Amino acid sequence: MKQLLTLLLGIALSSTYAQSTYDYFVKADFSGSFLKAFGQTLSNEEITTYDIKNWAVPGIEMGKVITPKFQVSLSFTPSFKVHIEEQWGLGNGPSDADLSLDYKTPLIISFNGRFYPFTKGLYGAASLQYLSSARYAMRLVPQESSLAIGNGEYASAVIGNWDYKSALTAAISLGWTFSFARRLIVDVGIQVPIIPGPFHENIVLALENGQAIENADREFAERRIEDETFYYPVQFRIQLGYRF
């Protein structure tokens, strides 16, 4: 009897260990390098230059497998700088200037719940996200002798700065998980935050030559900026991970 109890205890402990061995996971997210390599291809056709300036540190995600179909995790996506160039304008007519825009993306912290409708592979997820403030710096250079702002004409380039305040919001995502030897993980997917408008705030505009912008023209330009997304913090998922 004692031997039987010892055997059953050993089986129970072994089973518990086996179940817990793969309950936790950690993943590194290399979506920044993916955007650096393919951002120009994926961007709007009107954008002539799309460049990631200072991406170096991968994101990280840590989590636990609750059931074979459900996981929870906490992820951190570091901020990086995006440089965009395109033709754009602040008037009623066609784009009449060359835009150079530098954008510092937000730091994103997410608490994620992921559901696998099948035993593996395809997943959908919902997240609660914190986005730190994002900052924009713009220079708009006229292609001809003057630049249209609202209904006015100004013989100068425009300097603009604005930001988006930090936000607590939700996000949804869809992707696919590839598993190798049970422990190695490759995740690909996309996550989209649900951000209320206006997207841009605290807009400050000035002409490089020091000339004043008429109030009506300034208000028009600010509305034009508020209506333009430029960059939306969609997160591509290119993750390599390990279960333990």
Protein backbone atom coordinates (compact mmCIF):
# COMPACT_ATOMS: atom_id res chain seq x y z
CA MET A 1 0.00 0.00 0.00
CA LYS A 2 2.82 2.37 0.90
CA GLN A 3 4.51 1.64 -2.40
CA LEU A 4 1.24 2.24 -4.26
CA LEU A 5 0.76 5.63 -2.54
CA THR A 6 4.35 6.55 -3.33
CA LEU A 7 3.79 5.63 -6.96
CA LEU A 8 0.55 7.61 -7.19
CA LEU A 9 2.22 10.61 -5.53
CA GLY A 10 5.07 10.40 -8.00
CA ILE A 11 2.66 10.26 -10.93
CA ALA A 12 0.70 13.25 -9.58
CA LEU A 13 3.85 15.32 -9.08
CA SER A 14 5.13 14.40 -12.52
CA SER A 15 1.78 15.32 -14.07
CA THR A 16 1.70 18.65 -12.22
CA TYR A 17 5.24 19.44 -13.37
CA ALA A 18 4.42 18.49 -16.96
CA GLN A 19 1.34 20.69 -16.94
CA SER A 20 3.16 23.66 -15.48
CA THR A 21 6.26 23.29 -17.65
CA TYR A 22 4.62 25.06 -20.58
CA ASP A 23 2.20 27.32 -18.69
CA TYR A 24 4.26 30.53 -18.98
CA PHE A 25 5.81 32.26 -21.95
CA VAL A 26 7.94 35.23 -22.89
CA LYS A 27 8.19 36.76 -26.36
CA ALA A 28 10.31 39.46 -27.98
CA ASP A 29 8.59 41.66 -30.58
CA PHE A 30 10.62 42.67 -33.62
CA SER A 31 7.90 44.64 -35.40
CA GLY A 32 10.11 47.76 -35.30
CA SER A 33 12.69 46.10 -37.54
CA PHE A 34 9.87 44.87 -39.77
CA LEU A 35 8.58 48.44 -40.20
CA LYS A 36 12.11 49.69 -40.81
CA ALA A 37 12.52 47.16 -43.62
CA PHE A 38 9.03 47.30 -45.17
CA GLY A 39 7.42 50.53 -43.90
CA GLN A 40 7.89 52.31 -47.22
CA THR A 41 6.13 49.47 -49.06
CA LEU A 42 3.23 49.34 -46.58
CA SER A 43 2.71 53.10 -46.30
CA ASN A 44 0.26 55.25 -48.23
CA GLU A 45 1.25 55.65 -51.91
CA GLU A 46 1.35 59.43 -51.41
CA ILE A 47 4.22 59.05 -48.92
CA THR A 48 7.58 59.32 -50.70
CA THR A 49 9.75 58.58 -47.65
CA TYR A 50 8.97 56.45 -44.60
CA ASP A 51 11.85 55.73 -42.24
CA ILE A 52 12.26 54.38 -38.70
CA LYS A 53 14.96 56.54 -37.14
CA ASN A 54 15.97 55.05 -33.81
CA TRP A 55 14.40 51.62 -33.36
CA ALA A 56 16.79 49.46 -31.32
CA VAL A 57 15.03 47.77 -28.39
CA PRO A 58 12.46 45.04 -29.16
CA GLY A 59 9.12 44.94 -27.38
CA ILE A 60 8.50 42.23 -24.83
CA GLU A 61 5.44 40.20 -23.82
CA MET A 62 5.09 37.94 -20.77
CA GLY A 63 2.10 35.76 -20.08
CA LYS A 64 0.41 32.64 -18.82
CA VAL A 65 -1.60 29.92 -20.54
CA ILE A 66 -4.87 29.60 -18.60
CA THR A 67 -6.40 26.91 -20.82
CA PRO A 68 -5.37 25.53 -24.24
CA LYS A 69 -7.70 28.14 -25.77
CA PHE A 70 -7.10 31.16 -23.53
CA GLN A 71 -4.03 33.15 -22.49
CA VAL A 72 -3.37 36.37 -20.61
CA SER A 73 -0.28 38.52 -20.98
CA LEU A 74 1.34 41.89 -20.33
CA SER A 75 3.28 43.54 -23.14
CA PHE A 76 5.54 46.57 -23.52
CA THR A 77 6.15 48.27 -26.87
CA PRO A 78 8.91 50.93 -26.75
CA SER A 79 8.56 54.24 -28.56
CA PHE A 80 10.57 55.02 -31.67
CA LYS A 81 10.82 57.82 -34.20
CA VAL A 82 9.21 57.81 -37.63
CA HIS A 83 10.26 60.18 -40.42
CA ILE A 84 7.70 60.80 -43.18
CA GLU A 85 7.94 62.87 -46.36
CA GLU A 86 5.11 63.54 -48.80
CA GLN A 87 3.37 66.25 -50.78
CA TRP A 88 0.79 68.01 -48.65
CA GLY A 89 -0.87 71.37 -48.11
CA LEU A 90 -2.79 73.64 -45.75
CA GLY A 91 -5.06 75.26 -48.34
CA ASN A 92 -8.31 74.50 -50.14
CA GLY A 93 -6.60 73.48 -53.36
CA PRO A 94 -4.27 70.62 -54.28
CA SER A 95 -1.14 69.91 -52.27
CA ASP A 96 1.35 72.69 -52.96
CA ALA A 97 4.15 71.93 -50.49
CA ASP A 98 6.66 69.27 -49.46
CA LEU A 99 6.02 67.91 -45.99
CA SER A 100 8.76 66.62 -43.68
CA LEU A 101 7.33 65.12 -40.49
CA ASP A 102 9.06 63.55 -37.50
CA TYR A 103 6.85 61.56 -35.18
CA LYS A 104 7.78 60.09 -31.79
CA THR A 105 5.44 57.14 -31.26
CA PRO A 106 3.96 56.41 -27.83
CA LEU A 107 5.21 53.84 -25.38
CA ILE A 108 2.45 51.21 -25.28
CA ILE A 109 1.66 48.98 -22.30
CA SER A 110 -1.03 46.35 -22.90
CA PHE A 111 -2.89 43.83 -20.78
CA ASN A 112 -4.05 41.20 -23.25
CA GLY A 113 -6.58 38.40 -23.27
CA ARG A 114 -6.06 36.04 -26.21
CA PHE A 115 -8.53 33.42 -27.42
CA TYR A 116 -7.77 30.52 -29.74
CA PRO A 117 -11.02 29.25 -31.33
CA PHE A 118 -9.16 26.14 -32.42
CA THR A 119 -6.50 24.15 -30.55
CA LYS A 120 -3.71 26.19 -32.11
CA GLY A 121 -2.94 28.70 -34.82
CA LEU A 122 -5.51 31.44 -35.39
CA TYR A 123 -6.25 33.76 -32.46
CA GLY A 124 -8.20 36.87 -31.64
CA ALA A 125 -7.44 39.16 -28.70
CA ALA A 126 -8.80 42.12 -26.77
CA SER A 127 -6.51 44.44 -24.84
CA LEU A 128 -6.57 47.25 -22.35
CA GLN A 129 -3.83 49.68 -23.41
CA TYR A 130 -1.98 52.65 -22.01
CA LEU A 131 -0.40 54.92 -24.65
CA SER A 132 2.04 57.58 -23.53
CA SER A 133 1.92 60.99 -25.21
CA ALA A 134 3.14 61.21 -28.81
CA ARG A 135 4.87 64.21 -30.39
CA TYR A 136 4.98 65.56 -33.94
CA ALA A 137 7.31 68.09 -35.59
CA MET A 138 6.51 69.32 -39.10
CA ARG A 139 8.21 71.47 -41.75
CA LEU A 140 6.14 72.40 -44.80
CA VAL A 141 8.08 73.96 -47.70
CA PRO A 142 6.20 75.58 -50.63
CA GLN A 143 6.90 74.06 -54.05
CA GLU A 144 6.50 77.46 -55.71
CA SER A 145 7.05 81.00 -54.45
CA SER A 146 4.21 80.89 -51.92
CA LEU A 147 2.21 78.50 -49.77
CA ALA A 148 -1.57 78.47 -49.41
CA ILE A 149 -2.83 78.49 -45.82
CA GLY A 150 -6.60 78.58 -45.71
CA ASN A 151 -7.56 81.32 -48.18
CA GLY A 152 -4.28 83.22 -47.79
CA GLU A 153 -0.94 83.02 -49.60
CA TYR A 154 2.35 83.16 -47.65
CA ALA A 155 5.87 83.34 -49.07
CA SER A 156 7.43 81.15 -46.39
CA ALA A 157 7.81 77.62 -45.12
CA VAL A 158 5.69 76.60 -42.11
CA ILE A 159 6.96 75.04 -38.89
CA GLY A 160 4.43 73.07 -36.86
CA ASN A 161 4.44 71.11 -33.60
CA TRP A 162 1.68 69.19 -31.86
CA ASP A 163 1.09 66.14 -29.70
CA TYR A 164 -1.42 63.57 -28.65
CA LYS A 165 -2.02 63.26 -24.93
CA SER A 166 -1.54 59.95 -23.13
CA ALA A 167 -4.58 57.67 -23.28
CA LEU A 168 -6.08 54.61 -21.68
CA THR A 169 -7.94 52.73 -24.37
CA ALA A 170 -8.90 49.34 -25.78
CA ALA A 171 -7.45 47.43 -28.71
CA ILE A 172 -8.32 44.40 -30.79
CA SER A 173 -5.95 42.08 -32.60
CA LEU A 174 -5.88 39.11 -34.92
CA GLY A 175 -2.99 36.77 -35.70
CA TRP A 176 -1.49 33.32 -35.95
CA THR A 177 0.80 31.37 -33.63
CA PHE A 178 3.31 28.84 -34.92
CA SER A 179 4.72 26.39 -32.37
CA PHE A 180 7.89 24.33 -32.73
CA ALA A 181 8.83 21.49 -30.37
CA ARG A 182 6.08 22.81 -28.02
CA ARG A 183 8.39 25.43 -26.50
CA LEU A 184 9.40 27.73 -29.36
CA ILE A 185 6.81 30.26 -30.54
CA VAL A 186 6.53 32.48 -33.60
CA ASP A 187 3.62 34.94 -33.59
CA VAL A 188 2.50 37.13 -36.47
CA GLY A 189 -0.47 39.47 -36.29
CA ILE A 190 -1.80 42.99 -36.09
CA GLN A 191 -3.21 45.02 -33.18
CA VAL A 192 -5.34 48.13 -33.63
CA PRO A 193 -6.07 50.54 -30.75
CA ILE A 194 -9.44 52.29 -30.57
CA ILE A 195 -8.50 55.95 -30.12
CA PRO A 196 -11.11 58.72 -29.85
CA GLY A 197 -10.53 62.01 -31.67
CA PRO A 198 -9.28 64.58 -32.08
CA PHE A 199 -6.06 62.78 -32.86
CA HIS A 200 -3.82 65.87 -32.71
CA GLU A 201 -3.79 68.48 -29.93
CA ASN A 202 -1.88 71.59 -28.81
CA ILE A 203 -1.10 72.61 -32.40
CA VAL A 204 1.46 75.42 -32.74
CA LEU A 205 2.13 76.87 -36.21
CA ALA A 206 4.57 79.57 -37.29
CA LEU A 207 6.07 80.91 -40.53
CA GLU A 208 9.86 80.66 -40.85
CA ASN A 209 10.13 84.27 -42.07
CA GLY A 210 8.40 85.56 -38.93
CA GLN A 211 5.28 86.77 -40.75
CA ALA A 212 2.01 86.43 -38.84
CA ILE A 213 -0.66 84.00 -40.01
CA GLU A 214 -4.16 85.46 -40.21
CA ASN A 215 -6.46 84.00 -37.55
CA ALA A 216 -8.95 82.57 -40.06
CA ASP A 217 -6.13 80.92 -42.02
CA ARG A 218 -4.57 79.56 -38.83
CA GLU A 219 -7.87 78.04 -37.71
CA PHE A 220 -8.27 76.43 -41.14
CA ALA A 221 -4.74 74.98 -40.96
CA GLU A 222 -5.33 73.58 -37.47
CA ARG A 223 -8.54 71.86 -38.62
CA ARG A 224 -6.64 70.47 -41.62
CA ILE A 225 -4.04 68.97 -39.29
CA GLU A 226 -6.68 67.61 -36.90
CA ASP A 227 -8.37 65.81 -39.80
CA GLU A 228 -5.14 64.16 -40.97
CA THR A 229 -3.93 61.01 -39.23
CA PHE A 230 -0.34 60.96 -40.66
CA TYR A 231 0.43 57.88 -38.59
CA TYR A 232 -1.89 55.63 -36.57
CA PRO A 233 -0.27 53.45 -33.86
CA VAL A 234 -1.21 50.11 -35.41
CA GLN A 235 1.05 47.42 -33.97
CA PHE A 236 2.34 44.70 -36.24
CA ARG A 237 3.22 41.52 -34.35
CA ILE A 238 6.45 39.80 -35.33
CA GLN A 239 7.30 37.86 -32.16
CA LEU A 240 9.74 35.14 -31.22
CA GLY A 241 9.09 33.39 -27.91
CA TYR A 242 9.66 30.51 -25.56
CA ARG A 243 7.33 28.53 -23.31
CA PHE A 244 8.50 27.26 -19.92
